[in-house]
Amino acid sequence: MWLSNKHTTAFYWSHAGQHFEIREEGDWWAAVPDDEWPDEASGQRAVILSDFAPSVGDRRQEIVFIGAGMDEAKICAQLDAALLTDDELKAYNDKWSSLPDPEHAGAPTAVAAST
């Protein structure tokens, strides 16, 4: 799951019955320095890049509904209605680069590189 204020971190969201969980899964590949990526020979790099989209990389939402008697058309219409308009996406992108990710709760504080 991609949160608008967490540009580097991918989250996992699971909700089934009374069970609800959100947890950090690690960094989006788009946020990982190139020298930390798998090498070309492994083939994994090509698989990662196959999920990339212009300007957002591999950041995305993936959702699965499991159940009986669900109205697929109604669910899709509600999800589509939640999408950003082109103007909203442009406004988000205009601000995105100037907003750093907030510190992750419980994570060690980053140390600035000294020059």
C-alpha atoms as a PDB file:
ATOM      1  CA  MET A   1       0.000   0.000   0.000  1.00  0.00           C
ATOM      2  CA  TRP A   2       1.334   3.451  -0.875  1.00  0.00           C
ATOM      3  CA  LEU A   3       0.569   6.227   1.600  1.00  0.00           C
ATOM      4  CA  SER A   4       0.736   9.783   0.324  1.00  0.00           C
ATOM      5  CA  ASN A   5       2.996  10.910   3.164  1.00  0.00           C
ATOM      6  CA  LYS A   6       5.355   7.909   3.038  1.00  0.00           C
ATOM      7  CA  HIS A   7       7.025   8.064  -0.360  1.00  0.00           C
ATOM      8  CA  THR A   8       9.774   5.566   0.400  1.00  0.00           C
ATOM      9  CA  THR A   9       7.965   2.885   2.407  1.00  0.00           C
ATOM     10  CA  ALA A  10       5.660   0.156   1.103  1.00  0.00           C
ATOM     11  CA  PHE A  11       3.003  -1.027   3.545  1.00  0.00           C
ATOM     12  CA  TYR A  12       1.067  -4.279   3.821  1.00  0.00           C
ATOM     13  CA  TRP A  13      -2.618  -4.026   4.756  1.00  0.00           C
ATOM     14  CA  SER A  14      -4.673  -7.084   5.665  1.00  0.00           C
ATOM     15  CA  HIS A  15      -8.278  -7.003   6.788  1.00  0.00           C
ATOM     16  CA  ALA A  16     -10.311 -10.174   7.151  1.00  0.00           C
ATOM     17  CA  GLY A  17     -13.265 -10.337   9.508  1.00  0.00           C
ATOM     18  CA  GLN A  18     -12.119  -8.870  12.811  1.00  0.00           C
ATOM     19  CA  HIS A  19      -8.426  -9.135  11.900  1.00  0.00           C
ATOM     20  CA  PHE A  20      -6.825  -5.866  10.777  1.00  0.00           C
ATOM     21  CA  GLU A  21      -3.115  -5.275  10.254  1.00  0.00           C
ATOM     22  CA  ILE A  22      -0.937  -2.604   8.635  1.00  0.00           C
ATOM     23  CA  ARG A  23       2.830  -3.047   8.683  1.00  0.00           C
ATOM     24  CA  GLU A  24       5.892  -1.744   6.893  1.00  0.00           C
ATOM     25  CA  GLU A  25       7.109  -4.080   4.164  1.00  0.00           C
ATOM     26  CA  GLY A  26      10.287  -2.204   3.265  1.00  0.00           C
ATOM     27  CA  ASP A  27      11.191   0.436   0.731  1.00  0.00           C
ATOM     28  CA  TRP A  28       9.687   0.809  -2.708  1.00  0.00           C
ATOM     29  CA  TRP A  29      12.337  -0.073  -5.284  1.00  0.00           C
ATOM     30  CA  ALA A  30      11.974   3.457  -6.683  1.00  0.00           C
ATOM     31  CA  ALA A  31      13.360   4.739  -3.360  1.00  0.00           C
ATOM     32  CA  VAL A  32      16.301   2.306  -3.193  1.00  0.00           C
ATOM     33  CA  PRO A  33      19.679   3.583  -4.460  1.00  0.00           C
ATOM     34  CA  ASP A  34      20.672   1.939  -7.731  1.00  0.00           C
ATOM     35  CA  ASP A  35      23.809   0.380  -6.222  1.00  0.00           C
ATOM     36  CA  GLU A  36      21.579  -1.606  -3.812  1.00  0.00           C
ATOM     37  CA  TRP A  37      19.478  -3.170  -6.584  1.00  0.00           C
ATOM     38  CA  PRO A  38      19.963  -6.746  -7.805  1.00  0.00           C
ATOM     39  CA  ASP A  39      22.390  -7.041 -10.710  1.00  0.00           C
ATOM     40  CA  GLU A  40      21.217  -7.487 -14.304  1.00  0.00           C
ATOM     41  CA  ALA A  41      22.431 -11.091 -14.456  1.00  0.00           C
ATOM     42  CA  SER A  42      19.954 -12.251 -11.803  1.00  0.00           C
ATOM     43  CA  GLY A  43      16.980 -11.286 -13.959  1.00  0.00           C
ATOM     44  CA  GLN A  44      15.303  -9.818 -10.868  1.00  0.00           C
ATOM     45  CA  ARG A  45      16.051  -6.246 -11.977  1.00  0.00           C
ATOM     46  CA  ALA A  46      13.996  -6.725 -15.165  1.00  0.00           C
ATOM     47  CA  VAL A  47      11.091  -8.135 -13.148  1.00  0.00           C
ATOM     48  CA  ILE A  48      11.186  -5.124 -10.811  1.00  0.00           C
ATOM     49  CA  LEU A  49      11.295  -2.665 -13.706  1.00  0.00           C
ATOM     50  CA  SER A  50       8.337  -4.382 -15.389  1.00  0.00           C
ATOM     51  CA  ASP A  51       6.143  -2.967 -12.579  1.00  0.00           C
ATOM     52  CA  PHE A  52       7.430   0.607 -12.953  1.00  0.00           C
ATOM     53  CA  ALA A  53       5.228   3.479 -14.111  1.00  0.00           C
ATOM     54  CA  PRO A  54       6.401   6.940 -15.192  1.00  0.00           C
ATOM     55  CA  SER A  55       7.015   9.325 -12.267  1.00  0.00           C
ATOM     56  CA  VAL A  56       5.991   6.889  -9.485  1.00  0.00           C
ATOM     57  CA  GLY A  57       8.173   3.852 -10.147  1.00  0.00           C
ATOM     58  CA  ASP A  58       6.788   0.757  -8.444  1.00  0.00           C
ATOM     59  CA  ARG A  59       4.604   2.645  -5.968  1.00  0.00           C
ATOM     60  CA  ARG A  60       1.003   1.464  -6.287  1.00  0.00           C
ATOM     61  CA  GLN A  61      -2.051   0.040  -4.587  1.00  0.00           C
ATOM     62  CA  GLU A  62      -3.013  -3.590  -4.963  1.00  0.00           C
ATOM     63  CA  ILE A  63      -6.294  -4.791  -3.551  1.00  0.00           C
ATOM     64  CA  VAL A  64      -8.070  -8.133  -3.422  1.00  0.00           C
ATOM     65  CA  PHE A  65     -11.646  -8.734  -2.306  1.00  0.00           C
ATOM     66  CA  ILE A  66     -12.655 -12.235  -1.279  1.00  0.00           C
ATOM     67  CA  GLY A  67     -16.264 -12.999  -0.481  1.00  0.00           C
ATOM     68  CA  ALA A  68     -19.661 -14.104  -1.695  1.00  0.00           C
ATOM     69  CA  GLY A  69     -22.418 -11.922  -3.080  1.00  0.00           C
ATOM     70  CA  MET A  70     -20.285  -8.825  -3.581  1.00  0.00           C
ATOM     71  CA  ASP A  71     -21.347  -6.264  -6.195  1.00  0.00           C
ATOM     72  CA  GLU A  72     -18.184  -5.945  -8.315  1.00  0.00           C
ATOM     73  CA  ALA A  73     -19.512  -3.027 -10.367  1.00  0.00           C
ATOM     74  CA  LYS A  74     -20.432  -1.060  -7.232  1.00  0.00           C
ATOM     75  CA  ILE A  75     -17.060  -1.772  -5.602  1.00  0.00           C
ATOM     76  CA  CYS A  76     -15.203  -0.694  -8.756  1.00  0.00           C
ATOM     77  CA  ALA A  77     -17.303   2.477  -9.054  1.00  0.00           C
ATOM     78  CA  GLN A  78     -16.532   3.439  -5.443  1.00  0.00           C
ATOM     79  CA  LEU A  79     -12.815   2.777  -5.889  1.00  0.00           C
ATOM     80  CA  ASP A  80     -12.755   4.719  -9.175  1.00  0.00           C
ATOM     81  CA  ALA A  81     -14.491   7.653  -7.448  1.00  0.00           C
ATOM     82  CA  ALA A  82     -11.641   7.768  -4.918  1.00  0.00           C
ATOM     83  CA  LEU A  83      -8.953   8.251  -7.584  1.00  0.00           C
ATOM     84  CA  LEU A  84      -7.282  11.619  -7.923  1.00  0.00           C
ATOM     85  CA  THR A  85      -8.242  13.848 -10.814  1.00  0.00           C
ATOM     86  CA  ASP A  86      -5.455  14.958 -13.162  1.00  0.00           C
ATOM     87  CA  ASP A  87      -5.406  18.369 -11.420  1.00  0.00           C
ATOM     88  CA  GLU A  88      -5.214  16.756  -7.970  1.00  0.00           C
ATOM     89  CA  LEU A  89      -2.378  14.497  -9.098  1.00  0.00           C
ATOM     90  CA  LYS A  90      -0.486  17.464 -10.541  1.00  0.00           C
ATOM     91  CA  ALA A  91      -0.911  19.397  -7.267  1.00  0.00           C
ATOM     92  CA  TYR A  92       0.341  16.369  -5.333  1.00  0.00           C
ATOM     93  CA  ASN A  93       3.359  15.929  -7.619  1.00  0.00           C
ATOM     94  CA  ASP A  94       4.184  19.661  -7.388  1.00  0.00           C
ATOM     95  CA  LYS A  95       4.398  19.379  -3.578  1.00  0.00           C
ATOM     96  CA  TRP A  96       5.740  15.828  -3.296  1.00  0.00           C
ATOM     97  CA  SER A  97       9.397  16.589  -3.956  1.00  0.00           C
ATOM     98  CA  SER A  98       9.486  19.253  -1.251  1.00  0.00           C
ATOM     99  CA  LEU A  99       7.967  17.107   1.510  1.00  0.00           C
ATOM    100  CA  PRO A 100      10.313  14.661   3.243  1.00  0.00           C
ATOM    101  CA  ASP A 101       8.963  11.406   4.620  1.00  0.00           C
ATOM    102  CA  PRO A 102       8.158  11.713   8.321  1.00  0.00           C
ATOM    103  CA  GLU A 103      10.347   9.702  10.666  1.00  0.00           C
ATOM    104  CA  HIS A 104       9.179   6.121  11.121  1.00  0.00           C
ATOM    105  CA  ALA A 105       7.997   5.408  14.658  1.00  0.00           C
ATOM    106  CA  GLY A 106      10.513   3.223  16.438  1.00  0.00           C
ATOM    107  CA  ALA A 107      13.108   3.539  13.679  1.00  0.00           C
ATOM    108  CA  PRO A 108      16.584   4.863  14.427  1.00  0.00           C
ATOM    109  CA  THR A 109      17.005   8.530  13.586  1.00  0.00           C
ATOM    110  CA  ALA A 110      18.904   9.129  10.357  1.00  0.00           C
ATOM    111  CA  VAL A 111      22.323  10.699  10.775  1.00  0.00           C
ATOM    112  CA  ALA A 112      23.176  13.473   8.327  1.00  0.00           C
ATOM    113  CA  ALA A 113      26.293  12.837   6.286  1.00  0.00           C
ATOM    114  CA  SER A 114      29.142  15.098   7.338  1.00  0.00           C
ATOM    115  CA  THR A 115      31.145  16.957   4.709  1.00  0.00           C
END
